[in-house]
C-alpha atoms as a PDB file:
ATOM      1  CA  MET A   1      89.650  80.761 127.683  1.00  0.00           C
ATOM      2  CA  VAL A   2      93.483  81.351 127.304  1.00  0.00           C
ATOM      3  CA  GLY A   3      92.322  84.176 124.400  1.00  0.00           C
ATOM      4  CA  LYS A   4      89.893  85.666 126.571  1.00  0.00           C
ATOM      5  CA  ARG A   5      92.239  86.177 129.618  1.00  0.00           C
ATOM      6  CA  LEU A   6      94.885  87.473 127.258  1.00  0.00           C
ATOM      7  CA  PHE A   7      92.196  89.909 126.038  1.00  0.00           C
ATOM      8  CA  ARG A   8      91.070  91.353 129.751  1.00  0.00           C
ATOM      9  CA  LEU A   9      95.006  91.321 130.860  1.00  0.00           C
ATOM     10  CA  ALA A  10      96.350  93.178 127.733  1.00  0.00           C
ATOM     11  CA  MET A  11      93.373  95.725 127.974  1.00  0.00           C
ATOM     12  CA  MET A  12      94.225  96.342 131.651  1.00  0.00           C
ATOM     13  CA  ALA A  13      97.957  96.679 130.832  1.00  0.00           C
ATOM     14  CA  ALA A  14      97.158  99.480 128.169  1.00  0.00           C
ATOM     15  CA  LEU A  15      95.372 101.547 130.636  1.00  0.00           C
ATOM     16  CA  GLU A  16      98.388 101.415 133.124  1.00  0.00           C
ATOM     17  CA  PHE A  17     100.810 104.436 132.748  1.00  0.00           C
ATOM     18  CA  SER A  18     104.283 102.501 131.499  1.00  0.00           C
ATOM     19  CA  SER A  19     107.395 100.455 131.899  1.00  0.00           C
ATOM     20  CA  ALA A  20     109.158 103.142 133.670  1.00  0.00           C
ATOM     21  CA  GLY A  21     107.252 104.156 136.797  1.00  0.00           C
ATOM     22  CA  VAL A  22     104.549 106.636 136.959  1.00  0.00           C
ATOM     23  CA  HIS A  23     106.676 109.358 138.011  1.00  0.00           C
ATOM     24  CA  ALA A  24     108.703 108.989 134.554  1.00  0.00           C
ATOM     25  CA  ALA A  25     108.036 111.223 131.765  1.00  0.00           C
ATOM     26  CA  PRO A  26     107.142 108.896 128.881  1.00  0.00           C
ATOM     27  CA  SER A  27     109.406 109.287 125.695  1.00  0.00           C
ATOM     28  CA  LEU A  28     107.044 107.164 124.055  1.00  0.00           C
ATOM     29  CA  GLN A  29     103.223 108.025 124.187  1.00  0.00           C
ATOM     30  CA  VAL A  30     101.083 105.358 122.178  1.00  0.00           C
ATOM     31  CA  VAL A  31      97.251 105.471 121.370  1.00  0.00           C
ATOM     32  CA  PHE A  32      95.592 102.661 119.794  1.00  0.00           C
ATOM     33  CA  PRO A  33      91.897 102.573 118.570  1.00  0.00           C
ATOM     34  CA  ARG A  34      88.960 101.305 120.867  1.00  0.00           C
ATOM     35  CA  PRO A  35      87.401  97.912 119.760  1.00  0.00           C
ATOM     36  CA  GLU A  36      84.479  97.976 117.455  1.00  0.00           C
ATOM     37  CA  THR A  37      82.074  95.974 119.796  1.00  0.00           C
ATOM     38  CA  PRO A  38      82.040  95.067 123.700  1.00  0.00           C
ATOM     39  CA  TYR A  39      82.712  91.672 122.399  1.00  0.00           C
ATOM     40  CA  ASP A  40      85.235  92.193 119.961  1.00  0.00           C
ATOM     41  CA  ALA A  41      88.235  90.299 121.475  1.00  0.00           C
ATOM     42  CA  ARG A  42      90.602  90.943 118.081  1.00  0.00           C
ATOM     43  CA  THR A  43      92.192  93.796 120.239  1.00  0.00           C
ATOM     44  CA  GLY A  44      93.720  92.087 122.764  1.00  0.00           C
ATOM     45  CA  TYR A  45      96.511  90.155 121.198  1.00  0.00           C
ATOM     46  CA  PRO A  46      98.051  93.210 119.082  1.00  0.00           C
ATOM     47  CA  VAL A  47      97.593  95.235 122.185  1.00  0.00           C
ATOM     48  CA  ALA A  48      99.342  92.476 124.129  1.00  0.00           C
ATOM     49  CA  VAL A  49     102.140  92.469 121.209  1.00  0.00           C
ATOM     50  CA  LEU A  50     102.398  96.246 121.284  1.00  0.00           C
ATOM     51  CA  ARG A  51     103.005  96.335 124.764  1.00  0.00           C
ATOM     52  CA  LEU A  52     105.990  93.229 124.193  1.00  0.00           C
ATOM     53  CA  ALA A  53     107.432  95.652 121.818  1.00  0.00           C
ATOM     54  CA  LEU A  54     107.681  99.030 124.001  1.00  0.00           C
ATOM     55  CA  GLU A  55     108.819  96.800 126.545  1.00  0.00           C
ATOM     56  CA  HIS A  56     112.018  95.656 124.387  1.00  0.00           C
ATOM     57  CA  LEU A  57     112.884  99.351 123.916  1.00  0.00           C
ATOM     58  CA  ASN A  58     114.075 100.034 127.689  1.00  0.00           C
ATOM     59  CA  VAL A  59     112.583 103.478 127.248  1.00  0.00           C
ATOM     60  CA  ALA A  60     109.777 104.898 129.324  1.00  0.00           C
ATOM     61  CA  PHE A  61     106.262 104.476 127.500  1.00  0.00           C
ATOM     62  CA  SER A  62     102.719 105.034 127.813  1.00  0.00           C
ATOM     63  CA  MET A  63      99.789 102.995 126.221  1.00  0.00           C
ATOM     64  CA  LYS A  64      96.189 104.281 126.242  1.00  0.00           C
ATOM     65  CA  GLN A  65      92.658 103.524 124.159  1.00  0.00           C
ATOM     66  CA  SER A  66      91.251 106.245 122.165  1.00  0.00           C
ATOM     67  CA  ALA A  67      88.474 107.828 123.802  1.00  0.00           C
ATOM     68  CA  ILE A  68      86.208 106.829 120.660  1.00  0.00           C
ATOM     69  CA  VAL A  69      85.280 103.688 119.167  1.00  0.00           C
ATOM     70  CA  LEU A  70      87.411 103.238 115.444  1.00  0.00           C
ATOM     71  CA  SER A  71      86.573 101.139 112.765  1.00  0.00           C
ATOM     72  CA  GLN A  72      89.298 100.036 110.779  1.00  0.00           C
ATOM     73  CA  ALA A  73      89.221 102.446 107.635  1.00  0.00           C
ATOM     74  CA  ARG A  74      88.479 105.159 110.454  1.00  0.00           C
ATOM     75  CA  THR A  75      91.716 104.158 112.060  1.00  0.00           C
ATOM     76  CA  LEU A  76      93.687 104.280 109.014  1.00  0.00           C
ATOM     77  CA  LYS A  77      92.272 107.482 108.045  1.00  0.00           C
ATOM     78  CA  LEU A  78      93.245 109.125 111.391  1.00  0.00           C
ATOM     79  CA  LEU A  79      96.806 107.474 111.644  1.00  0.00           C
ATOM     80  CA  GLU A  80      97.313 108.924 107.627  1.00  0.00           C
ATOM     81  CA  ASP A  81      96.033 112.421 109.014  1.00  0.00           C
ATOM     82  CA  ASN A  82      98.449 112.192 112.185  1.00  0.00           C
ATOM     83  CA  GLN A  83      95.277 112.430 114.232  1.00  0.00           C
ATOM     84  CA  VAL A  84      93.509 110.592 117.408  1.00  0.00           C
ATOM     85  CA  VAL A  85      95.671 107.370 117.144  1.00  0.00           C
ATOM     86  CA  THR A  86      99.424 106.906 116.847  1.00  0.00           C
ATOM     87  CA  VAL A  87      99.531 103.511 115.916  1.00  0.00           C
ATOM     88  CA  GLY A  88      96.677 100.908 114.467  1.00  0.00           C
ATOM     89  CA  TRP A  89      96.712  97.373 113.191  1.00  0.00           C
ATOM     90  CA  SER A  90      95.414  95.384 109.991  1.00  0.00           C
ATOM     91  CA  VAL A  91      96.672  93.662 106.894  1.00  0.00           C
ATOM     92  CA  ALA A  92      99.429  94.822 104.824  1.00  0.00           C
ATOM     93  CA  THR A  93      98.519  95.840 101.442  1.00  0.00           C
ATOM     94  CA  VAL A  94     100.204  97.841  98.546  1.00  0.00           C
ATOM     95  CA  GLU A  95      97.802 100.854  98.871  1.00  0.00           C
ATOM     96  CA  ARG A  96      98.575 101.384 102.888  1.00  0.00           C
ATOM     97  CA  ASP A  97     101.786 100.804 102.018  1.00  0.00           C
ATOM     98  CA  LYS A  98     101.488 104.088 100.062  1.00  0.00           C
ATOM     99  CA  ARG A  99      99.315 105.848 102.840  1.00  0.00           C
ATOM    100  CA  LEU A 100     101.374 104.971 105.924  1.00  0.00           C
ATOM    101  CA  LEU A 101     104.353 103.298 107.369  1.00  0.00           C
ATOM    102  CA  THR A 102     104.319  99.743 107.660  1.00  0.00           C
ATOM    103  CA  VAL A 103     105.981  97.991 110.416  1.00  0.00           C
ATOM    104  CA  ARG A 104     107.003  95.147 108.258  1.00  0.00           C
ATOM    105  CA  VAL A 105     106.998  92.056 110.851  1.00  0.00           C
ATOM    106  CA  PRO A 106     103.581  89.916 110.775  1.00  0.00           C
ATOM    107  CA  ILE A 107     102.908  89.945 114.335  1.00  0.00           C
ATOM    108  CA  ASP A 108     100.622  86.863 113.670  1.00  0.00           C
ATOM    109  CA  ARG A 109     102.400  84.872 111.822  1.00  0.00           C
ATOM    110  CA  GLY A 110     100.354  85.279 109.025  1.00  0.00           C
ATOM    111  CA  LEU A 111      97.070  83.690 110.735  1.00  0.00           C
ATOM    112  CA  ILE A 112      94.894  86.377 109.086  1.00  0.00           C
ATOM    113  CA  GLY A 113      95.258  84.685 105.789  1.00  0.00           C
ATOM    114  CA  TRP A 114      94.413  80.881 107.218  1.00  0.00           C
ATOM    115  CA  ARG A 115      90.333  81.082 107.064  1.00  0.00           C
ATOM    116  CA  ILE A 116      87.711  78.930 108.247  1.00  0.00           C
ATOM    117  CA  LEU A 117      83.860  79.388 107.246  1.00  0.00           C
ATOM    118  CA  LEU A 118      81.586  80.204 109.775  1.00  0.00           C
ATOM    119  CA  ILE A 119      78.236  79.160 108.822  1.00  0.00           C
ATOM    120  CA  ARG A 120      74.809  78.583 110.338  1.00  0.00           C
ATOM    121  CA  ARG A 121      74.418  75.548 113.003  1.00  0.00           C
ATOM    122  CA  ASP A 122      73.133  72.393 111.076  1.00  0.00           C
ATOM    123  CA  GLU A 123      74.012  73.132 107.680  1.00  0.00           C
ATOM    124  CA  GLU A 124      77.572  71.929 107.275  1.00  0.00           C
ATOM    125  CA  LYS A 125      76.224  69.093 105.345  1.00  0.00           C
ATOM    126  CA  GLN A 126      75.874  71.579 102.497  1.00  0.00           C
ATOM    127  CA  PHE A 127      79.565  72.141 102.422  1.00  0.00           C
ATOM    128  CA  ARG A 128      80.747  68.358 102.455  1.00  0.00           C
ATOM    129  CA  ASP A 129      81.284  67.868  99.391  1.00  0.00           C
ATOM    130  CA  LEU A 130      82.888  71.614  98.174  1.00  0.00           C
ATOM    131  CA  LEU A 131      86.378  71.163  97.805  1.00  0.00           C
ATOM    132  CA  THR A 132      87.503  73.789  95.282  1.00  0.00           C
ATOM    133  CA  VAL A 133      87.149  77.506  94.524  1.00  0.00           C
ATOM    134  CA  SER A 134      84.712  76.540  91.704  1.00  0.00           C
ATOM    135  CA  GLN A 135      82.732  74.746  93.706  1.00  0.00           C
ATOM    136  CA  LEU A 136      82.461  77.292  96.567  1.00  0.00           C
ATOM    137  CA  ALA A 137      81.824  80.086  94.087  1.00  0.00           C
ATOM    138  CA  HIS A 138      78.078  79.424  94.207  1.00  0.00           C
ATOM    139  CA  VAL A 139      77.940  80.077  97.784  1.00  0.00           C
ATOM    140  CA  PRO A 140      77.138  83.855  99.009  1.00  0.00           C
ATOM    141  CA  MET A 141      79.546  84.767 101.349  1.00  0.00           C
ATOM    142  CA  ALA A 142      80.257  88.075 103.249  1.00  0.00           C
ATOM    143  CA  GLN A 143      83.064  90.236 104.547  1.00  0.00           C
ATOM    144  CA  ASP A 144      83.373  93.637 106.056  1.00  0.00           C
ATOM    145  CA  GLN A 145      83.619  96.434 103.647  1.00  0.00           C
ATOM    146  CA  ASP A 146      86.529  97.883 105.081  1.00  0.00           C
ATOM    147  CA  TRP A 147      88.605  94.779 104.752  1.00  0.00           C
ATOM    148  CA  PRO A 148      91.015  93.787 102.132  1.00  0.00           C
ATOM    149  CA  ASP A 149      90.056  90.332 102.736  1.00  0.00           C
ATOM    150  CA  LEU A 150      86.979  91.224 100.737  1.00  0.00           C
ATOM    151  CA  ALA A 151      88.690  92.254  97.410  1.00  0.00           C
ATOM    152  CA  ILE A 152      91.326  89.181  97.619  1.00  0.00           C
ATOM    153  CA  LEU A 153      88.182  86.915  97.958  1.00  0.00           C
ATOM    154  CA  ARG A 154      86.324  88.433  95.098  1.00  0.00           C
ATOM    155  CA  ASP A 155      89.834  88.232  93.082  1.00  0.00           C
ATOM    156  CA  ASN A 156      89.991  84.677  93.708  1.00  0.00           C
ATOM    157  CA  GLY A 157      86.312  83.786  92.430  1.00  0.00           C
ATOM    158  CA  PHE A 158      83.988  83.878  95.539  1.00  0.00           C
ATOM    159  CA  ASP A 159      80.788  85.402  95.765  1.00  0.00           C
ATOM    160  CA  MET A 160      81.304  88.451  98.341  1.00  0.00           C
ATOM    161  CA  THR A 161      79.062  90.713  99.825  1.00  0.00           C
ATOM    162  CA  ALA A 162      80.155  93.706 101.330  1.00  0.00           C
ATOM    163  CA  ALA A 163      79.119  94.029 105.110  1.00  0.00           C
ATOM    164  CA  PHE A 164      78.316  97.691 106.549  1.00  0.00           C
ATOM    165  CA  ASP A 165      80.784  96.957 109.506  1.00  0.00           C
ATOM    166  CA  TYR A 166      81.863  94.062 112.002  1.00  0.00           C
ATOM    167  CA  ALA A 167      78.864  93.536 113.575  1.00  0.00           C
ATOM    168  CA  SER A 168      77.016  93.292 110.563  1.00  0.00           C
ATOM    169  CA  LEU A 169      78.594  90.155 109.432  1.00  0.00           C
ATOM    170  CA  PHE A 170      77.106  87.938 112.129  1.00  0.00           C
ATOM    171  CA  SER A 171      73.806  89.318 111.430  1.00  0.00           C
ATOM    172  CA  MET A 172      73.612  88.758 107.672  1.00  0.00           C
ATOM    173  CA  LEU A 173      74.778  85.197 108.163  1.00  0.00           C
ATOM    174  CA  LYS A 174      71.966  84.648 110.502  1.00  0.00           C
ATOM    175  CA  LEU A 175      69.182  86.360 108.901  1.00  0.00           C
ATOM    176  CA  GLY A 176      70.220  84.061 105.922  1.00  0.00           C
ATOM    177  CA  HIS A 177      71.517  86.927 103.455  1.00  0.00           C
ATOM    178  CA  VAL A 178      74.759  84.893 103.133  1.00  0.00           C
ATOM    179  CA  ASP A 179      75.585  81.524 103.788  1.00  0.00           C
ATOM    180  CA  ALA A 180      79.106  82.080 105.033  1.00  0.00           C
ATOM    181  CA  VAL A 181      81.603  83.939 106.318  1.00  0.00           C
ATOM    182  CA  PRO A 182      84.938  83.518 106.244  1.00  0.00           C
ATOM    183  CA  ARG A 183      87.322  84.253 109.526  1.00  0.00           C
ATOM    184  CA  SER A 184      90.399  83.800 110.295  1.00  0.00           C
ATOM    185  CA  VAL A 185      91.533  80.914 112.588  1.00  0.00           C
ATOM    186  CA  ALA A 186      92.852  83.614 114.966  1.00  0.00           C
ATOM    187  CA  GLU A 187      89.522  84.801 115.592  1.00  0.00           C
ATOM    188  CA  ILE A 188      86.859  82.372 114.970  1.00  0.00           C
ATOM    189  CA  GLY A 189      87.189  80.396 118.305  1.00  0.00           C
ATOM    190  CA  GLN A 190      86.786  83.812 120.538  1.00  0.00           C
ATOM    191  CA  GLU A 191      84.002  84.752 118.235  1.00  0.00           C
ATOM    192  CA  LEU A 192      81.859  81.886 118.505  1.00  0.00           C
ATOM    193  CA  GLN A 193      82.187  81.773 122.619  1.00  0.00           C
ATOM    194  CA  SER A 194      80.468  85.520 122.152  1.00  0.00           C
ATOM    195  CA  PRO A 195      77.215  86.221 121.916  1.00  0.00           C
ATOM    196  CA  ASP A 196      77.540  87.483 118.252  1.00  0.00           C
ATOM    197  CA  GLY A 197      78.688  83.884 117.379  1.00  0.00           C
ATOM    198  CA  ALA A 198      75.127  82.333 119.035  1.00  0.00           C
ATOM    199  CA  ASP A 199      73.428  79.523 116.537  1.00  0.00           C
ATOM    200  CA  LEU A 200      76.805  79.770 114.284  1.00  0.00           C
ATOM    201  CA  VAL A 201      79.084  76.989 113.995  1.00  0.00           C
ATOM    202  CA  ALA A 202      82.873  76.520 112.161  1.00  0.00           C
ATOM    203  CA  GLU A 203      82.713  74.559 109.274  1.00  0.00           C
ATOM    204  CA  THR A 204      84.608  71.486 110.089  1.00  0.00           C
ATOM    205  CA  HIS A 205      86.414  69.970 106.818  1.00  0.00           C
ATOM    206  CA  LEU A 206      87.663  73.365 104.685  1.00  0.00           C
ATOM    207  CA  LEU A 207      90.722  75.614 105.713  1.00  0.00           C
ATOM    208  CA  LEU A 208      91.511  78.550 102.666  1.00  0.00           C
ATOM    209  CA  HIS A 209      94.677  79.758 102.535  1.00  0.00           C
ATOM    210  CA  TYR A 210      96.252  82.890 100.974  1.00  0.00           C
ATOM    211  CA  PRO A 211      99.472  84.534 102.417  1.00  0.00           C
ATOM    212  CA  SER A 212      98.563  87.374 104.210  1.00  0.00           C
ATOM    213  CA  ALA A 213     100.028  89.535 107.427  1.00  0.00           C
ATOM    214  CA  LEU A 214      98.777  91.251 110.661  1.00  0.00           C
ATOM    215  CA  VAL A 215     101.102  94.203 111.078  1.00  0.00           C
ATOM    216  CA  PHE A 216     101.490  97.910 112.850  1.00  0.00           C
ATOM    217  CA  PHE A 217     100.475 100.895 110.836  1.00  0.00           C
ATOM    218  CA  VAL A 218     102.146 104.351 112.021  1.00  0.00           C
ATOM    219  CA  SER A 219     101.545 107.965 110.513  1.00  0.00           C
ATOM    220  CA  LYS A 220     104.209 108.912 107.605  1.00  0.00           C
ATOM    221  CA  SER A 221     104.709 112.125 110.105  1.00  0.00           C
ATOM    222  CA  ASN A 222     105.771 109.767 112.685  1.00  0.00           C
ATOM    223  CA  PRO A 223     108.978 107.703 111.485  1.00  0.00           C
ATOM    224  CA  SER A 224     110.792 107.545 114.663  1.00  0.00           C
ATOM    225  CA  LEU A 225     107.777 105.342 116.218  1.00  0.00           C
ATOM    226  CA  ALA A 226     108.047 102.978 113.240  1.00  0.00           C
ATOM    227  CA  ALA A 227     111.446 102.594 113.409  1.00  0.00           C
ATOM    228  CA  GLU A 228     111.244 101.870 117.432  1.00  0.00           C
ATOM    229  CA  LEU A 229     108.485  99.776 117.104  1.00  0.00           C
ATOM    230  CA  GLN A 230     110.636  97.602 114.173  1.00  0.00           C
ATOM    231  CA  LYS A 231     113.188  97.288 116.561  1.00  0.00           C
ATOM    232  CA  GLY A 232     111.372  96.088 119.765  1.00  0.00           C
ATOM    233  CA  LEU A 233     109.678  93.630 117.416  1.00  0.00           C
ATOM    234  CA  GLU A 234     113.063  92.496 116.312  1.00  0.00           C
ATOM    235  CA  ARG A 235     114.154  92.041 119.433  1.00  0.00           C
ATOM    236  CA  ALA A 236     111.332  90.124 120.703  1.00  0.00           C
ATOM    237  CA  ILE A 237     111.475  88.135 118.024  1.00  0.00           C
ATOM    238  CA  ALA A 238     115.221  87.461 118.975  1.00  0.00           C
ATOM    239  CA  ASP A 239     114.553  86.294 122.433  1.00  0.00           C
ATOM    240  CA  GLY A 240     111.776  84.381 121.524  1.00  0.00           C
ATOM    241  CA  SER A 241     109.193  86.345 123.580  1.00  0.00           C
ATOM    242  CA  LEU A 242     106.962  86.828 120.862  1.00  0.00           C
ATOM    243  CA  ARG A 243     106.885  83.235 119.633  1.00  0.00           C
ATOM    244  CA  ARG A 244     105.693  82.113 123.389  1.00  0.00           C
ATOM    245  CA  LEU A 245     103.469  84.643 123.492  1.00  0.00           C
ATOM    246  CA  PHE A 246     101.871  83.663 119.901  1.00  0.00           C
ATOM    247  CA  GLU A 247     101.610  80.008 121.681  1.00  0.00           C
ATOM    248  CA  LEU A 248      99.996  81.258 124.617  1.00  0.00           C
ATOM    249  CA  THR A 249      97.293  83.100 122.893  1.00  0.00           C
ATOM    250  CA  TYR A 250      96.500  80.865 119.884  1.00  0.00           C
ATOM    251  CA  ARG A 251      98.078  77.076 120.295  1.00  0.00           C
ATOM    252  CA  GLN A 252      94.930  76.055 122.427  1.00  0.00           C
ATOM    253  CA  SER A 253      92.008  77.339 120.047  1.00  0.00           C
ATOM    254  CA  LEU A 254      94.051  76.112 117.022  1.00  0.00           C
ATOM    255  CA  ASN A 255      94.388  72.515 117.855  1.00  0.00           C
ATOM    256  CA  ALA A 256      90.780  72.630 118.827  1.00  0.00           C
ATOM    257  CA  LEU A 257      89.762  73.642 115.127  1.00  0.00           C
ATOM    258  CA  HIS A 258      92.073  70.060 113.637  1.00  0.00           C
ATOM    259  CA  LEU A 259      93.789  72.441 111.005  1.00  0.00           C
ATOM    260  CA  HIS A 260      95.814  69.620 109.907  1.00  0.00           C
ATOM    261  CA  ASP A 261      93.123  67.372 109.153  1.00  0.00           C
ATOM    262  CA  ARG A 262      91.226  69.506 106.735  1.00  0.00           C
ATOM    263  CA  HIS A 263      91.453  70.262 103.226  1.00  0.00           C
ATOM    264  CA  VAL A 264      93.283  73.084 102.190  1.00  0.00           C
ATOM    265  CA  ILE A 265      92.540  75.423  99.343  1.00  0.00           C
ATOM    266  CA  GLU A 266      95.408  77.614  98.155  1.00  0.00           C
ATOM    267  CA  LEU A 267      94.322  81.212  97.204  1.00  0.00           C
ATOM    268  CA  THR A 268      96.469  84.057  95.844  1.00  0.00           C
ATOM    269  CA  ASN A 269      96.705  87.804  97.322  1.00  0.00           C
ATOM    270  CA  PRO A 270      97.407  90.386  94.799  1.00  0.00           C
ATOM    271  CA  LEU A 271      97.281  93.005  97.337  1.00  0.00           C
ATOM    272  CA  LEU A 272     100.250  91.610  99.504  1.00  0.00           C
ATOM    273  CA  PRO A 273     103.286  94.166  99.094  1.00  0.00           C
ATOM    274  CA  ALA A 274     106.240  92.253  97.410  1.00  0.00           C
ATOM    275  CA  SER A 275     108.491  93.754 100.189  1.00  0.00           C
ATOM    276  CA  MET A 276     106.309  91.671 102.822  1.00  0.00           C
ATOM    277  CA  VAL A 277     106.643  88.162 101.070  1.00  0.00           C
ATOM    278  CA  PRO A 278     109.887  87.368 102.354  1.00  0.00           C
ATOM    279  CA  ALA A 279     108.381  88.189 105.943  1.00  0.00           C
ATOM    280  CA  CYS A 280     105.387  86.028 105.066  1.00  0.00           C
ATOM    281  CA  ARG A 281     107.831  83.232 104.096  1.00  0.00           C
ATOM    282  CA  ASP A 282     110.020  83.231 107.062  1.00  0.00           C
ATOM    283  CA  PHE A 283     107.874  84.043 109.884  1.00  0.00           C
ATOM    284  CA  GLY A 284     104.738  82.289 108.449  1.00  0.00           C
ATOM    285  CA  PHE A 285     102.570  79.768 110.489  1.00  0.00           C
ATOM    286  CA  GLN A 286     101.926  76.178 109.022  1.00  0.00           C
ATOM    287  CA  PRO A 287      98.848  73.998 110.387  1.00  0.00           C
ATOM    288  CA  GLU A 288     101.200  71.002 110.651  1.00  0.00           C
ATOM    289  CA  THR A 289     102.484  72.792 113.693  1.00  0.00           C
ATOM    290  CA  THR A 290      99.300  71.803 115.812  1.00  0.00           C
ATOM    291  CA  GLN A 291     100.176  68.031 115.265  1.00  0.00           C
END
């Protein structure tokens, strides 16, 4: 419920004109991608973090959604071309580092790399004795074709199918085309509460982990915005406000997942830029903190 409220508040806040009043000309104008589906709550936290970073700059700014719905791949391509949006967020990768400017702060404390299997209701018994990658390798799974997680999980030996888009993940699972969809611990709770999650449940004893980070991306044509966002995030880390926002958003849902009781399967991430490894380690989330 906290996540849903935060999502609504973040979206309302993003539509407001800015921190310095309607009569001040904003020195920073930020356009971020519109959610992919009506039930897509994944946007709420990044938008709230974006606003928090901008508020720490003490300058006039404006925030608004793109006029059109954008997939992850489309958002990154438009950023690369310096069109439609000025900022996006996704998983840090070596390839994206070459195309875009990466704001090197893992805004989610690495939650995107902690994964629970989304499965069909009443099929959990099929997973109770699966404790290793080699055992899970026989389970057909899916990830969005745009997500680096698809390649990461394939590289670790999983049987992965590429879904056409985010919404397709749920229909593929419900129709039996795959038996599991690995979802971030930051997202699975909200997804199960949405219409997309009907007849689906979170598997209860496994927890996959690979080092990863949700970060902001900016066009290489806009280095000043990247620098400002870096500065704002560092200030929000220093005064504790980013950590408080994280706790407000995720602590209740993380506790409900009983992460510290799960069997952790450690995986590798060949796509993570070496420059992001220290940040993932320094600000990384650990399931033990849910106790």
